Amino acid sequence: MIEKINKFILKIEEFLLGYIIIIMAVLLVINVFCRSVLNNSLSFAEELGGFLMVIVTFLGISTAARFYKHINMNAIVDNAPRAVKKVMAIVISGFTTVVTSWLTYVFIRYALDNAKVSRISTALELPMWILVAIVALGMFLVAVQYLICFIKNITQRDIYMGSHVKCGEGMEMIYEVEYKEFENKELEANSETENKVENKEVDAP
């Protein structure tokens, strides 16, 4: 059940992040064209671009947490015994869940405060509470990812550094979603190479 929900969230994140980045690129090109050719840039372009950048950033941190892509210092974890790694993974994921949950609460309170005073943006005159609510949503999704990681570390034997990434013997970080596909491609590539070599040997005089 948890895995199905997690995969559903991932699909939504990929959809939103992909299309928002495309919109940002199109907006940038249009603004440059208007400024260079028409000598009249779009008044809302910078503000909208900033809003979209905030949305991409705070939705993207959830995806980064899922795949253990945040900047981290893992020298101690890499060199620790397996039992110590397990304890550290539980502590890190549990502590991060608490911190990001608290930040979610803080941003929700801030969004409500913005809604009370009816604060709006300068150019587009959009309610600022919407932007802050998106930031709160991003922090909530990060909390969900680390909570899933925490649950997996408690209930499963493997050591999870992200909800889709685990420490493995012989390969430090194994991406569950991608590793099987990578392994299959490697096997196919090796078999194709072997077939080509065999064909050359047969064709050789």
Protein backbone atom coordinates (compact mmCIF):
# COMPACT_ATOMS: atom_id res chain seq x y z
CA MET A 1 0.00 0.00 0.00
CA ILE A 2 2.79 2.42 0.98
CA GLU A 3 4.77 1.58 -2.16
CA LYS A 4 1.75 2.23 -4.39
CA ILE A 5 1.17 5.63 -2.78
CA ASN A 6 4.88 6.42 -3.06
CA LYS A 7 4.95 5.54 -6.78
CA PHE A 8 1.83 7.65 -7.35
CA ILE A 9 3.49 10.64 -5.64
CA LEU A 10 6.60 10.11 -7.79
CA LYS A 11 4.53 10.20 -10.99
CA ILE A 12 2.87 13.47 -9.91
CA GLU A 13 6.27 14.98 -9.01
CA GLU A 14 7.79 13.96 -12.35
CA PHE A 15 4.81 15.37 -14.26
CA LEU A 16 4.79 18.70 -12.42
CA LEU A 17 8.56 19.19 -12.43
CA GLY A 18 8.86 18.33 -16.12
CA TYR A 19 6.14 20.68 -17.30
CA ILE A 20 7.09 23.52 -14.96
CA ILE A 21 10.67 23.46 -16.26
CA ILE A 22 9.35 23.53 -19.84
CA ILE A 23 7.13 26.52 -18.97
CA MET A 24 10.13 28.29 -17.40
CA ALA A 25 12.21 27.74 -20.53
CA VAL A 26 9.43 28.99 -22.84
CA LEU A 27 8.86 32.03 -20.61
CA LEU A 28 12.57 32.86 -20.68
CA VAL A 29 12.76 32.60 -24.49
CA ILE A 30 9.64 34.75 -24.97
CA ASN A 31 10.94 37.38 -22.54
CA VAL A 32 14.33 37.54 -24.28
CA PHE A 33 12.60 37.87 -27.67
CA CYS A 34 10.34 40.67 -26.40
CA ARG A 35 13.26 42.50 -24.80
CA SER A 36 15.66 42.15 -27.76
CA VAL A 37 13.31 42.45 -30.73
CA LEU A 38 10.30 44.39 -29.45
CA ASN A 39 12.23 46.46 -26.88
CA ASN A 40 9.52 45.75 -24.33
CA SER A 41 10.06 42.92 -21.85
CA LEU A 42 7.21 41.18 -20.05
CA SER A 43 6.57 42.89 -16.72
CA PHE A 44 5.55 39.69 -14.98
CA ALA A 45 8.27 37.41 -16.41
CA GLU A 46 10.79 37.77 -13.58
CA GLU A 47 8.19 37.37 -10.86
CA LEU A 48 6.55 34.36 -12.49
CA GLY A 49 9.97 32.82 -13.17
CA GLY A 50 10.85 33.26 -9.50
CA PHE A 51 7.59 31.63 -8.42
CA LEU A 52 8.16 28.69 -10.74
CA MET A 53 11.74 28.33 -9.49
CA VAL A 54 10.48 28.12 -5.89
CA ILE A 55 7.92 25.48 -6.90
CA VAL A 56 10.56 23.41 -8.74
CA THR A 57 12.96 23.70 -5.80
CA PHE A 58 10.57 22.64 -3.07
CA LEU A 59 8.91 19.89 -5.08
CA GLY A 60 12.33 18.73 -6.27
CA ILE A 61 13.71 18.26 -2.76
CA SER A 62 11.20 15.45 -2.28
CA THR A 63 12.48 13.67 -5.39
CA ALA A 64 16.07 14.27 -4.28
CA ALA A 65 15.29 12.79 -0.85
CA ARG A 66 13.65 9.77 -2.49
CA PHE A 67 16.80 8.96 -4.48
CA TYR A 68 19.33 10.12 -1.85
CA LYS A 69 20.57 12.95 -4.07
CA HIS A 70 20.99 15.66 -1.45
CA ILE A 71 24.50 16.84 -0.63
CA ASN A 72 25.71 14.69 2.24
CA MET A 73 28.82 13.71 4.18
CA ASN A 74 28.78 9.91 4.12
CA ALA A 75 32.43 9.09 4.90
CA ILE A 76 31.50 7.78 8.36
CA VAL A 77 28.50 5.81 7.07
CA ASP A 78 30.53 4.22 4.24
CA ASN A 79 33.27 2.99 6.61
CA ALA A 80 31.03 1.92 9.49
CA PRO A 81 30.09 -1.73 10.21
CA ARG A 82 26.71 -2.90 8.96
CA ALA A 83 25.07 -2.75 12.40
CA VAL A 84 26.26 0.84 12.92
CA LYS A 85 25.04 1.78 9.42
CA LYS A 86 21.62 0.40 10.27
CA VAL A 87 21.37 2.43 13.49
CA MET A 88 22.63 5.59 11.77
CA ALA A 89 20.11 5.18 8.93
CA ILE A 90 17.26 4.82 11.44
CA VAL A 91 18.40 7.86 13.45
CA ILE A 92 19.00 10.05 10.38
CA SER A 93 15.69 9.21 8.70
CA GLY A 94 13.74 9.53 11.96
CA PHE A 95 15.34 12.85 12.95
CA THR A 96 14.87 14.30 9.45
CA THR A 97 11.22 13.24 9.48
CA VAL A 98 10.68 15.18 12.72
CA VAL A 99 12.52 18.29 11.46
CA THR A 100 10.75 18.43 8.09
CA SER A 101 7.38 17.83 9.78
CA TRP A 102 8.04 20.77 12.07
CA LEU A 103 9.06 22.93 9.08
CA THR A 104 5.81 21.92 7.36
CA TYR A 105 3.89 23.18 10.39
CA VAL A 106 5.88 26.45 10.39
CA PHE A 107 5.20 27.11 6.70
CA ILE A 108 1.50 26.29 7.11
CA ARG A 109 1.29 28.85 9.91
CA TYR A 110 3.14 31.37 7.73
CA ALA A 111 0.76 30.71 4.82
CA LEU A 112 -2.24 31.31 7.09
CA ASP A 113 -0.69 34.56 8.32
CA ASN A 114 -0.23 35.70 4.71
CA ALA A 115 -3.84 34.82 3.96
CA LYS A 116 -5.06 36.86 6.96
CA VAL A 117 -3.28 40.04 5.84
CA SER A 118 -4.15 39.43 2.15
CA ARG A 119 -0.54 39.83 1.04
CA ILE A 120 -0.15 39.78 -2.76
CA SER A 121 2.74 39.78 -5.23
CA THR A 122 3.87 42.96 -6.98
CA ALA A 123 3.39 42.27 -10.69
CA LEU A 124 0.86 39.45 -10.90
CA GLU A 125 -0.97 40.37 -7.70
CA LEU A 126 -1.23 36.73 -6.75
CA PRO A 127 -1.95 35.81 -3.11
CA MET A 128 1.40 35.05 -1.48
CA TRP A 129 -0.13 32.38 0.72
CA ILE A 130 -0.37 30.13 -2.34
CA LEU A 131 3.39 30.21 -2.85
CA VAL A 132 4.06 29.60 0.85
CA ALA A 133 1.54 26.73 0.81
CA ILE A 134 3.49 25.12 -2.05
CA VAL A 135 6.66 25.41 0.04
CA ALA A 136 4.78 23.71 2.91
CA LEU A 137 3.64 20.98 0.52
CA GLY A 138 7.23 20.40 -0.57
CA MET A 139 8.40 20.05 3.03
CA PHE A 140 5.50 17.69 3.75
CA LEU A 141 6.49 15.46 0.81
CA VAL A 142 10.08 15.38 2.11
CA ALA A 143 8.77 14.35 5.53
CA VAL A 144 6.77 11.57 3.87
CA GLN A 145 9.86 10.30 2.04
CA TYR A 146 11.97 10.15 5.18
CA LEU A 147 9.10 8.58 7.10
CA ILE A 148 8.89 5.80 4.48
CA CYS A 149 12.67 5.41 4.72
CA PHE A 150 12.41 5.23 8.53
CA ILE A 151 9.68 2.58 8.35
CA LYS A 152 11.67 0.51 5.84
CA ASN A 153 14.79 0.66 8.02
CA ILE A 154 12.81 -0.60 11.01
CA THR A 155 10.78 -3.30 9.26
CA GLN A 156 13.30 -4.60 6.69
CA ARG A 157 16.78 -6.06 6.89
CA ASP A 158 18.22 -3.81 4.18
CA ILE A 159 19.67 -0.40 5.01
CA TYR A 160 17.75 2.38 3.26
CA MET A 161 19.28 5.84 2.77
CA GLY A 162 16.27 6.97 0.73
CA SER A 163 12.88 5.44 0.08
CA HIS A 164 14.24 4.05 -3.24
CA VAL A 165 17.92 3.73 -2.31
CA LYS A 166 19.61 1.20 -0.08
CA CYS A 167 23.17 0.44 0.98
CA GLY A 168 24.36 -2.83 -0.44
CA GLU A 169 27.41 -5.00 -0.10
CA GLY A 170 29.66 -4.69 -3.15
CA MET A 171 27.71 -1.69 -4.49
CA GLU A 172 27.34 1.12 -1.99
CA MET A 173 24.15 2.70 -3.34
CA ILE A 174 21.58 0.54 -5.10
CA TYR A 175 18.72 2.37 -6.77
CA GLU A 176 15.85 -0.12 -6.66
CA VAL A 177 13.93 1.55 -9.48
CA GLU A 178 16.89 1.79 -11.86
CA TYR A 179 19.29 -0.99 -10.95
CA LYS A 180 17.40 -3.89 -12.54
CA GLU A 181 17.04 -1.96 -15.79
CA PHE A 182 20.74 -1.05 -15.68
CA GLU A 183 21.69 -4.68 -15.04
CA ASN A 184 19.55 -5.91 -17.95
CA LYS A 185 21.06 -3.33 -20.31
CA GLU A 186 24.56 -4.33 -19.25
CA LEU A 187 23.80 -8.00 -19.93
CA GLU A 188 22.31 -7.16 -23.34
CA ALA A 189 25.31 -4.99 -24.24
CA ASN A 190 27.74 -7.74 -23.20
CA SER A 191 25.86 -10.38 -25.20
CA GLU A 192 25.79 -8.14 -28.29
CA THR A 193 29.54 -7.56 -27.98
CA GLU A 194 30.19 -11.29 -27.66
CA ASN A 195 28.02 -12.01 -30.71
CA LYS A 196 29.90 -9.42 -32.79
CA VAL A 197 33.24 -10.91 -31.76
CA GLU A 198 32.04 -14.41 -32.65
CA ASN A 199 30.74 -13.21 -36.04
CA LYS A 200 34.07 -11.54 -36.82
CA GLU A 201 35.93 -14.71 -35.93
CA VAL A 202 33.66 -16.76 -38.21
CA ASP A 203 33.98 -14.26 -41.10
CA ALA A 204 37.75 -14.00 -40.74
CA PRO A 205 39.68 -16.03 -43.42
